[in-house]
Amino acid sequence: GGDRWDVSRAARALAPEYGITYCTPLSPLHRRGHYGGFIGTAYDSLREYHALVVKLRSSGADFIKVMISGLMDFDRFGWLTEEPLPPEEIRELVHIAHSEGMAIMLHANGARTVEAAAAAGADSVEHGAYLDEDALAAMKDSGTLWVPTVSTVGNLLGKGRFSEPDVQKILDSALQNIRRFADMGGLLAPGTDAGAWAVPHGSLTEYEFFSGIGIGPERLEPGIRKLQKIFTTQEKDT
């Protein structure tokens, strides 16, 4: 998902030595004062955001990533850490990225936020906590890829860092929505959000969570193929 210190750029340069195709947005973007400042680059206006998209493209970014919501409050089921961006801004963020020939990945939680992201044509949604039927249907209908990163929740169980009952409720809610989305025929792909607390790099727990609700690797193949297509074949000036 990128970083503001160019670590992901260095990793991408090293990856071919290990037979790995590594793609990165370079630095993720966020509206100033909202979630994302710890790892990304801030914008104050859509004009400034557009300039950052152009800069990232010319710097070799493989896609654009934007944070459009906060995080789950792991001690309070159903709560997020801040208000999301409004739907009209989400629509413009997606439009601008696409107008510059870039796919866009959105860090998004909350039903209405994800519904707005899908309606705007987001290529993928990462996380996606607390979704409902309308949000799931919007992603299915728009062909938006969902990477639910349930390892960031499930791996917290038994660690004693957060309220165990609330973490369990969050996990159960996520797994139920993943199963519903799979039954709709929606596009899913595994992604652990590696580097998050209790999620080491190289973790395979995401596959275990999918398998536990009857979703095997073969069911994930269409989503993985789309992920590879949209994030590795962008045309851009370098």
C-alpha atoms as a PDB file:
ATOM      1  CA  GLY A   1       0.000   0.000   0.000  1.00  0.00           C
ATOM      2  CA  GLY A   2       2.979   2.362  -0.199  1.00  0.00           C
ATOM      3  CA  ASP A   3       4.729   4.755   2.172  1.00  0.00           C
ATOM      4  CA  ARG A   4       6.132   8.290   2.241  1.00  0.00           C
ATOM      5  CA  TRP A   5       9.741   7.190   2.814  1.00  0.00           C
ATOM      6  CA  ASP A   6      10.246   5.377  -0.537  1.00  0.00           C
ATOM      7  CA  VAL A   7      10.672   2.000   1.169  1.00  0.00           C
ATOM      8  CA  SER A   8       8.188   0.430  -1.250  1.00  0.00           C
ATOM      9  CA  ARG A   9      10.112   1.885  -4.205  1.00  0.00           C
ATOM     10  CA  ALA A  10      13.277   0.207  -2.909  1.00  0.00           C
ATOM     11  CA  ALA A  11      11.391  -3.059  -2.361  1.00  0.00           C
ATOM     12  CA  ARG A  12      10.080  -2.954  -5.933  1.00  0.00           C
ATOM     13  CA  ALA A  13      13.622  -2.516  -7.241  1.00  0.00           C
ATOM     14  CA  LEU A  14      14.802  -5.563  -5.255  1.00  0.00           C
ATOM     15  CA  ALA A  15      11.797  -7.788  -5.959  1.00  0.00           C
ATOM     16  CA  PRO A  16      12.878  -9.156  -9.388  1.00  0.00           C
ATOM     17  CA  GLU A  17      15.945 -10.736  -7.767  1.00  0.00           C
ATOM     18  CA  TYR A  18      13.507 -12.955  -5.856  1.00  0.00           C
ATOM     19  CA  GLY A  19      11.128 -13.635  -8.740  1.00  0.00           C
ATOM     20  CA  ILE A  20       8.481 -11.311  -7.287  1.00  0.00           C
ATOM     21  CA  THR A  21       6.321  -8.822  -9.166  1.00  0.00           C
ATOM     22  CA  TYR A  22       6.002  -5.965  -6.683  1.00  0.00           C
ATOM     23  CA  CYS A  23       3.681  -3.025  -7.379  1.00  0.00           C
ATOM     24  CA  THR A  24       3.272   0.109  -5.321  1.00  0.00           C
ATOM     25  CA  PRO A  25       1.436   3.438  -5.340  1.00  0.00           C
ATOM     26  CA  LEU A  26       4.643   4.935  -3.865  1.00  0.00           C
ATOM     27  CA  SER A  27       3.072   7.285  -1.303  1.00  0.00           C
ATOM     28  CA  PRO A  28      -0.639   6.866  -0.468  1.00  0.00           C
ATOM     29  CA  LEU A  29      -2.671  10.071  -0.358  1.00  0.00           C
ATOM     30  CA  HIS A  30      -5.074  11.488   2.230  1.00  0.00           C
ATOM     31  CA  ARG A  31      -6.930  14.712   2.911  1.00  0.00           C
ATOM     32  CA  ARG A  32      -4.976  16.780   5.418  1.00  0.00           C
ATOM     33  CA  GLY A  33      -6.255  16.314   8.946  1.00  0.00           C
ATOM     34  CA  HIS A  34      -7.759  12.914   8.164  1.00  0.00           C
ATOM     35  CA  TYR A  35      -6.467   9.375   8.578  1.00  0.00           C
ATOM     36  CA  GLY A  36      -3.270   8.609   6.681  1.00  0.00           C
ATOM     37  CA  GLY A  37      -0.783  11.177   7.913  1.00  0.00           C
ATOM     38  CA  PHE A  38       1.376   8.554   9.600  1.00  0.00           C
ATOM     39  CA  ILE A  39       2.272   6.935   6.278  1.00  0.00           C
ATOM     40  CA  GLY A  40       1.145   9.080   3.353  1.00  0.00           C
ATOM     41  CA  THR A  41       1.115  12.469   1.646  1.00  0.00           C
ATOM     42  CA  ALA A  42      -1.578  15.060   2.401  1.00  0.00           C
ATOM     43  CA  TYR A  43      -3.601  17.179  -0.003  1.00  0.00           C
ATOM     44  CA  ASP A  44      -5.681  20.236   0.900  1.00  0.00           C
ATOM     45  CA  SER A  45      -7.801  20.517  -2.242  1.00  0.00           C
ATOM     46  CA  LEU A  46      -8.790  18.504  -5.289  1.00  0.00           C
ATOM     47  CA  ARG A  47      -6.468  20.673  -7.376  1.00  0.00           C
ATOM     48  CA  GLU A  48      -3.568  19.709  -5.117  1.00  0.00           C
ATOM     49  CA  TYR A  49      -4.667  16.059  -5.205  1.00  0.00           C
ATOM     50  CA  HIS A  50      -4.668  16.155  -9.019  1.00  0.00           C
ATOM     51  CA  ALA A  51      -1.132  17.536  -9.016  1.00  0.00           C
ATOM     52  CA  LEU A  52      -0.019  14.735  -6.677  1.00  0.00           C
ATOM     53  CA  VAL A  53      -1.577  12.108  -8.945  1.00  0.00           C
ATOM     54  CA  VAL A  54       0.336  13.521 -11.911  1.00  0.00           C
ATOM     55  CA  LYS A  55       3.548  13.617  -9.866  1.00  0.00           C
ATOM     56  CA  LEU A  56       3.119  10.028  -8.685  1.00  0.00           C
ATOM     57  CA  ARG A  57       2.423   8.845 -12.201  1.00  0.00           C
ATOM     58  CA  SER A  58       5.528  10.557 -13.572  1.00  0.00           C
ATOM     59  CA  SER A  59       7.532   9.157 -10.643  1.00  0.00           C
ATOM     60  CA  GLY A  60       6.591   5.604 -11.575  1.00  0.00           C
ATOM     61  CA  ALA A  61       3.679   4.759  -9.298  1.00  0.00           C
ATOM     62  CA  ASP A  62       1.854   1.626 -10.441  1.00  0.00           C
ATOM     63  CA  PHE A  63      -1.515   2.891  -9.188  1.00  0.00           C
ATOM     64  CA  ILE A  64      -3.015   5.493  -6.846  1.00  0.00           C
ATOM     65  CA  LYS A  65      -4.033   4.767  -3.270  1.00  0.00           C
ATOM     66  CA  VAL A  66      -6.201   7.113  -1.181  1.00  0.00           C
ATOM     67  CA  MET A  67      -7.458   6.879   2.397  1.00  0.00           C
ATOM     68  CA  ILE A  68     -11.118   7.935   2.452  1.00  0.00           C
ATOM     69  CA  SER A  69     -12.178   6.809   5.935  1.00  0.00           C
ATOM     70  CA  GLY A  70     -10.843   6.089   9.384  1.00  0.00           C
ATOM     71  CA  LEU A  71     -10.206   2.766  11.093  1.00  0.00           C
ATOM     72  CA  MET A  72     -12.362   0.437  13.120  1.00  0.00           C
ATOM     73  CA  ASP A  73     -12.446   1.125  16.852  1.00  0.00           C
ATOM     74  CA  PHE A  74     -11.531  -2.361  18.060  1.00  0.00           C
ATOM     75  CA  ASP A  75     -12.950  -1.640  21.510  1.00  0.00           C
ATOM     76  CA  ARG A  76     -16.386  -0.602  20.195  1.00  0.00           C
ATOM     77  CA  PHE A  77     -18.144  -2.749  17.627  1.00  0.00           C
ATOM     78  CA  GLY A  78     -19.730  -0.674  14.869  1.00  0.00           C
ATOM     79  CA  TRP A  79     -17.651   2.454  15.437  1.00  0.00           C
ATOM     80  CA  LEU A  80     -15.035   4.072  13.182  1.00  0.00           C
ATOM     81  CA  THR A  81     -12.330   6.446  14.318  1.00  0.00           C
ATOM     82  CA  GLU A  82     -13.510   9.406  12.216  1.00  0.00           C
ATOM     83  CA  GLU A  83     -16.057  10.614   9.690  1.00  0.00           C
ATOM     84  CA  PRO A  84     -15.355   9.548   6.083  1.00  0.00           C
ATOM     85  CA  LEU A  85     -14.922  11.837   3.113  1.00  0.00           C
ATOM     86  CA  PRO A  86     -18.195  12.917   1.441  1.00  0.00           C
ATOM     87  CA  PRO A  87     -19.429  10.963  -1.610  1.00  0.00           C
ATOM     88  CA  GLU A  88     -18.891  13.881  -3.969  1.00  0.00           C
ATOM     89  CA  GLU A  89     -15.209  14.092  -3.042  1.00  0.00           C
ATOM     90  CA  ILE A  90     -14.804  10.327  -3.381  1.00  0.00           C
ATOM     91  CA  ARG A  91     -16.310  10.564  -6.862  1.00  0.00           C
ATOM     92  CA  GLU A  92     -13.819  13.250  -7.882  1.00  0.00           C
ATOM     93  CA  LEU A  93     -10.842  11.359  -6.423  1.00  0.00           C
ATOM     94  CA  VAL A  94     -11.672   8.336  -8.551  1.00  0.00           C
ATOM     95  CA  HIS A  95     -12.419  10.418 -11.648  1.00  0.00           C
ATOM     96  CA  ILE A  96      -9.129  12.300 -11.447  1.00  0.00           C
ATOM     97  CA  ALA A  97      -7.059   9.133 -11.032  1.00  0.00           C
ATOM     98  CA  HIS A  98      -8.797   7.484 -13.978  1.00  0.00           C
ATOM     99  CA  SER A  99      -8.470  10.612 -16.116  1.00  0.00           C
ATOM    100  CA  GLU A 100      -4.704  10.317 -15.652  1.00  0.00           C
ATOM    101  CA  GLY A 101      -4.745   6.667 -16.710  1.00  0.00           C
ATOM    102  CA  MET A 102      -4.245   5.272 -13.204  1.00  0.00           C
ATOM    103  CA  ALA A 103      -6.137   2.593 -11.322  1.00  0.00           C
ATOM    104  CA  ILE A 104      -7.173   3.607  -7.815  1.00  0.00           C
ATOM    105  CA  MET A 105      -7.221   1.622  -4.561  1.00  0.00           C
ATOM    106  CA  LEU A 106      -9.293   3.058  -1.715  1.00  0.00           C
ATOM    107  CA  HIS A 107      -8.806   2.427   1.996  1.00  0.00           C
ATOM    108  CA  ALA A 108     -12.467   2.501   3.019  1.00  0.00           C
ATOM    109  CA  ASN A 109     -14.654   1.409   5.928  1.00  0.00           C
ATOM    110  CA  GLY A 110     -18.368   1.873   6.492  1.00  0.00           C
ATOM    111  CA  ALA A 111     -21.285   0.911   4.272  1.00  0.00           C
ATOM    112  CA  ARG A 112     -22.056   4.311   2.773  1.00  0.00           C
ATOM    113  CA  THR A 113     -18.382   5.083   2.135  1.00  0.00           C
ATOM    114  CA  VAL A 114     -17.822   1.803   0.302  1.00  0.00           C
ATOM    115  CA  GLU A 115     -21.081   2.221  -1.598  1.00  0.00           C
ATOM    116  CA  ALA A 116     -19.909   5.677  -2.732  1.00  0.00           C
ATOM    117  CA  ALA A 117     -16.501   4.279  -3.714  1.00  0.00           C
ATOM    118  CA  ALA A 118     -18.078   1.539  -5.814  1.00  0.00           C
ATOM    119  CA  ALA A 119     -20.558   3.944  -7.419  1.00  0.00           C
ATOM    120  CA  ALA A 120     -17.615   6.171  -8.356  1.00  0.00           C
ATOM    121  CA  GLY A 121     -15.908   3.252 -10.111  1.00  0.00           C
ATOM    122  CA  ALA A 122     -13.105   2.511  -7.649  1.00  0.00           C
ATOM    123  CA  ASP A 123     -10.922  -0.331  -8.887  1.00  0.00           C
ATOM    124  CA  SER A 124     -10.547  -1.846  -5.417  1.00  0.00           C
ATOM    125  CA  VAL A 125     -11.639  -1.349  -1.836  1.00  0.00           C
ATOM    126  CA  GLU A 126      -9.312  -2.340   0.987  1.00  0.00           C
ATOM    127  CA  HIS A 127     -10.731  -3.323   4.414  1.00  0.00           C
ATOM    128  CA  GLY A 128     -14.462  -2.588   4.051  1.00  0.00           C
ATOM    129  CA  ALA A 129     -15.718  -3.014   7.608  1.00  0.00           C
ATOM    130  CA  TYR A 130     -19.432  -2.811   8.498  1.00  0.00           C
ATOM    131  CA  LEU A 131     -20.944  -3.270   5.053  1.00  0.00           C
ATOM    132  CA  ASP A 132     -24.595  -3.897   4.255  1.00  0.00           C
ATOM    133  CA  GLU A 133     -26.522  -5.366   1.326  1.00  0.00           C
ATOM    134  CA  ASP A 134     -26.510  -2.093  -0.635  1.00  0.00           C
ATOM    135  CA  ALA A 135     -22.743  -1.650  -0.297  1.00  0.00           C
ATOM    136  CA  LEU A 136     -22.053  -5.254  -1.293  1.00  0.00           C
ATOM    137  CA  ALA A 137     -24.403  -4.974  -4.271  1.00  0.00           C
ATOM    138  CA  ALA A 138     -22.745  -1.720  -5.373  1.00  0.00           C
ATOM    139  CA  MET A 139     -19.328  -3.405  -5.424  1.00  0.00           C
ATOM    140  CA  LYS A 140     -20.707  -6.417  -7.267  1.00  0.00           C
ATOM    141  CA  ASP A 141     -22.510  -4.298  -9.870  1.00  0.00           C
ATOM    142  CA  SER A 142     -19.516  -2.023 -10.516  1.00  0.00           C
ATOM    143  CA  GLY A 143     -16.966  -4.836 -10.624  1.00  0.00           C
ATOM    144  CA  THR A 144     -15.029  -3.313  -7.733  1.00  0.00           C
ATOM    145  CA  LEU A 145     -12.498  -5.723  -6.260  1.00  0.00           C
ATOM    146  CA  TRP A 146     -12.798  -6.180  -2.484  1.00  0.00           C
ATOM    147  CA  VAL A 147      -9.702  -6.973  -0.412  1.00  0.00           C
ATOM    148  CA  PRO A 148     -11.177  -7.353   3.102  1.00  0.00           C
ATOM    149  CA  THR A 149      -7.916  -7.865   5.082  1.00  0.00           C
ATOM    150  CA  VAL A 150      -9.620  -9.812   7.879  1.00  0.00           C
ATOM    151  CA  SER A 151      -6.211 -10.776   9.284  1.00  0.00           C
ATOM    152  CA  THR A 152      -5.988  -7.304  10.807  1.00  0.00           C
ATOM    153  CA  VAL A 153      -9.002  -8.248  12.935  1.00  0.00           C
ATOM    154  CA  GLY A 154      -8.767 -11.999  13.428  1.00  0.00           C
ATOM    155  CA  ASN A 155      -5.097 -11.921  14.374  1.00  0.00           C
ATOM    156  CA  LEU A 156      -5.970  -9.668  17.329  1.00  0.00           C
ATOM    157  CA  LEU A 157      -7.929 -12.386  19.076  1.00  0.00           C
ATOM    158  CA  GLY A 158      -6.194 -13.708  22.152  1.00  0.00           C
ATOM    159  CA  LYS A 159      -3.652 -10.887  22.232  1.00  0.00           C
ATOM    160  CA  GLY A 160      -5.343  -8.911  25.025  1.00  0.00           C
ATOM    161  CA  ARG A 161      -4.769  -5.555  23.375  1.00  0.00           C
ATOM    162  CA  PHE A 162      -8.419  -4.771  22.656  1.00  0.00           C
ATOM    163  CA  SER A 163     -11.851  -5.841  23.871  1.00  0.00           C
ATOM    164  CA  GLU A 164     -12.069  -9.533  22.938  1.00  0.00           C
ATOM    165  CA  PRO A 165     -15.894  -9.555  22.579  1.00  0.00           C
ATOM    166  CA  ASP A 166     -15.791  -6.539  20.262  1.00  0.00           C
ATOM    167  CA  VAL A 167     -12.956  -7.931  18.140  1.00  0.00           C
ATOM    168  CA  GLN A 168     -14.894 -11.189  17.777  1.00  0.00           C
ATOM    169  CA  LYS A 169     -18.028  -9.298  16.697  1.00  0.00           C
ATOM    170  CA  ILE A 170     -16.042  -7.311  14.130  1.00  0.00           C
ATOM    171  CA  LEU A 171     -14.502 -10.505  12.750  1.00  0.00           C
ATOM    172  CA  ASP A 172     -17.830 -12.345  12.616  1.00  0.00           C
ATOM    173  CA  SER A 173     -19.444  -9.392  10.813  1.00  0.00           C
ATOM    174  CA  ALA A 174     -16.627  -9.250   8.256  1.00  0.00           C
ATOM    175  CA  LEU A 175     -16.690 -12.991   7.559  1.00  0.00           C
ATOM    176  CA  GLN A 176     -20.467 -12.916   7.129  1.00  0.00           C
ATOM    177  CA  ASN A 177     -20.174 -10.104   4.589  1.00  0.00           C
ATOM    178  CA  ILE A 178     -17.371 -11.865   2.722  1.00  0.00           C
ATOM    179  CA  ARG A 179     -19.511 -14.998   2.420  1.00  0.00           C
ATOM    180  CA  ARG A 180     -22.487 -12.932   1.214  1.00  0.00           C
ATOM    181  CA  PHE A 181     -20.334 -11.129  -1.343  1.00  0.00           C
ATOM    182  CA  ALA A 182     -18.903 -14.418  -2.605  1.00  0.00           C
ATOM    183  CA  ASP A 183     -22.434 -15.799  -2.982  1.00  0.00           C
ATOM    184  CA  MET A 184     -23.334 -12.724  -5.060  1.00  0.00           C
ATOM    185  CA  GLY A 185     -20.428 -13.490  -7.389  1.00  0.00           C
ATOM    186  CA  GLY A 186     -18.383 -10.492  -6.265  1.00  0.00           C
ATOM    187  CA  LEU A 187     -14.644 -10.202  -6.855  1.00  0.00           C
ATOM    188  CA  LEU A 188     -12.543 -11.005  -3.771  1.00  0.00           C
ATOM    189  CA  ALA A 189      -8.789 -11.115  -3.285  1.00  0.00           C
ATOM    190  CA  PRO A 190      -6.622 -12.001  -0.281  1.00  0.00           C
ATOM    191  CA  GLY A 191      -4.541  -9.289   1.339  1.00  0.00           C
ATOM    192  CA  THR A 192      -3.341  -9.275   4.931  1.00  0.00           C
ATOM    193  CA  ASP A 193      -2.375  -5.606   5.331  1.00  0.00           C
ATOM    194  CA  ALA A 194       1.028  -6.995   6.276  1.00  0.00           C
ATOM    195  CA  GLY A 195       2.915  -4.827   8.726  1.00  0.00           C
ATOM    196  CA  ALA A 196      -0.219  -4.054  10.734  1.00  0.00           C
ATOM    197  CA  TRP A 197      -0.075  -5.062  14.388  1.00  0.00           C
ATOM    198  CA  ALA A 198      -0.096  -8.907  14.696  1.00  0.00           C
ATOM    199  CA  VAL A 199       0.121  -9.327  10.909  1.00  0.00           C
ATOM    200  CA  PRO A 200       3.697 -10.246   9.941  1.00  0.00           C
ATOM    201  CA  HIS A 201       4.954 -10.085   6.376  1.00  0.00           C
ATOM    202  CA  GLY A 202       4.515 -13.447   4.689  1.00  0.00           C
ATOM    203  CA  SER A 203       1.412 -14.215   6.753  1.00  0.00           C
ATOM    204  CA  LEU A 204      -0.953 -16.778   5.234  1.00  0.00           C
ATOM    205  CA  THR A 205      -3.751 -16.224   7.745  1.00  0.00           C
ATOM    206  CA  GLU A 206      -5.979 -14.525   5.169  1.00  0.00           C
ATOM    207  CA  TYR A 207      -6.304 -17.794   3.259  1.00  0.00           C
ATOM    208  CA  GLU A 208      -7.146 -19.554   6.526  1.00  0.00           C
ATOM    209  CA  PHE A 209      -9.969 -17.111   7.259  1.00  0.00           C
ATOM    210  CA  PHE A 210     -11.370 -17.491   3.729  1.00  0.00           C
ATOM    211  CA  SER A 211     -11.097 -21.267   3.914  1.00  0.00           C
ATOM    212  CA  GLY A 212     -12.914 -21.273   7.253  1.00  0.00           C
ATOM    213  CA  ILE A 213     -16.052 -19.925   5.556  1.00  0.00           C
ATOM    214  CA  GLY A 214     -15.791 -22.241   2.561  1.00  0.00           C
ATOM    215  CA  ILE A 215     -13.926 -19.963   0.150  1.00  0.00           C
ATOM    216  CA  GLY A 216     -10.982 -21.820  -1.358  1.00  0.00           C
ATOM    217  CA  PRO A 217      -8.153 -20.551  -3.580  1.00  0.00           C
ATOM    218  CA  GLU A 218     -10.061 -21.407  -6.756  1.00  0.00           C
ATOM    219  CA  ARG A 219     -12.888 -19.042  -5.767  1.00  0.00           C
ATOM    220  CA  LEU A 220     -10.340 -16.241  -5.343  1.00  0.00           C
ATOM    221  CA  GLU A 221      -8.724 -16.704  -8.762  1.00  0.00           C
ATOM    222  CA  PRO A 222     -10.998 -14.245 -10.656  1.00  0.00           C
ATOM    223  CA  GLY A 223     -10.293 -11.520  -8.092  1.00  0.00           C
ATOM    224  CA  ILE A 224      -6.567 -12.188  -8.108  1.00  0.00           C
ATOM    225  CA  ARG A 225      -6.513 -12.044 -11.918  1.00  0.00           C
ATOM    226  CA  LYS A 226      -8.300  -8.687 -11.864  1.00  0.00           C
ATOM    227  CA  LEU A 227      -5.922  -7.410  -9.183  1.00  0.00           C
ATOM    228  CA  GLN A 228      -2.956  -8.360 -11.356  1.00  0.00           C
ATOM    229  CA  LYS A 229      -4.534  -6.725 -14.406  1.00  0.00           C
ATOM    230  CA  ILE A 230      -5.554  -3.402 -12.901  1.00  0.00           C
ATOM    231  CA  PHE A 231      -2.456  -2.803 -10.787  1.00  0.00           C
ATOM    232  CA  THR A 232       0.319  -4.049 -13.076  1.00  0.00           C
ATOM    233  CA  THR A 233      -0.600  -2.892 -16.583  1.00  0.00           C
ATOM    234  CA  GLN A 234      -1.150   0.845 -16.199  1.00  0.00           C
ATOM    235  CA  GLU A 235       0.067   3.075 -19.029  1.00  0.00           C
ATOM    236  CA  LYS A 236       1.878   6.136 -17.686  1.00  0.00           C
ATOM    237  CA  ASP A 237       4.634   8.564 -18.540  1.00  0.00           C
ATOM    238  CA  THR A 238       7.891   7.765 -16.739  1.00  0.00           C
END
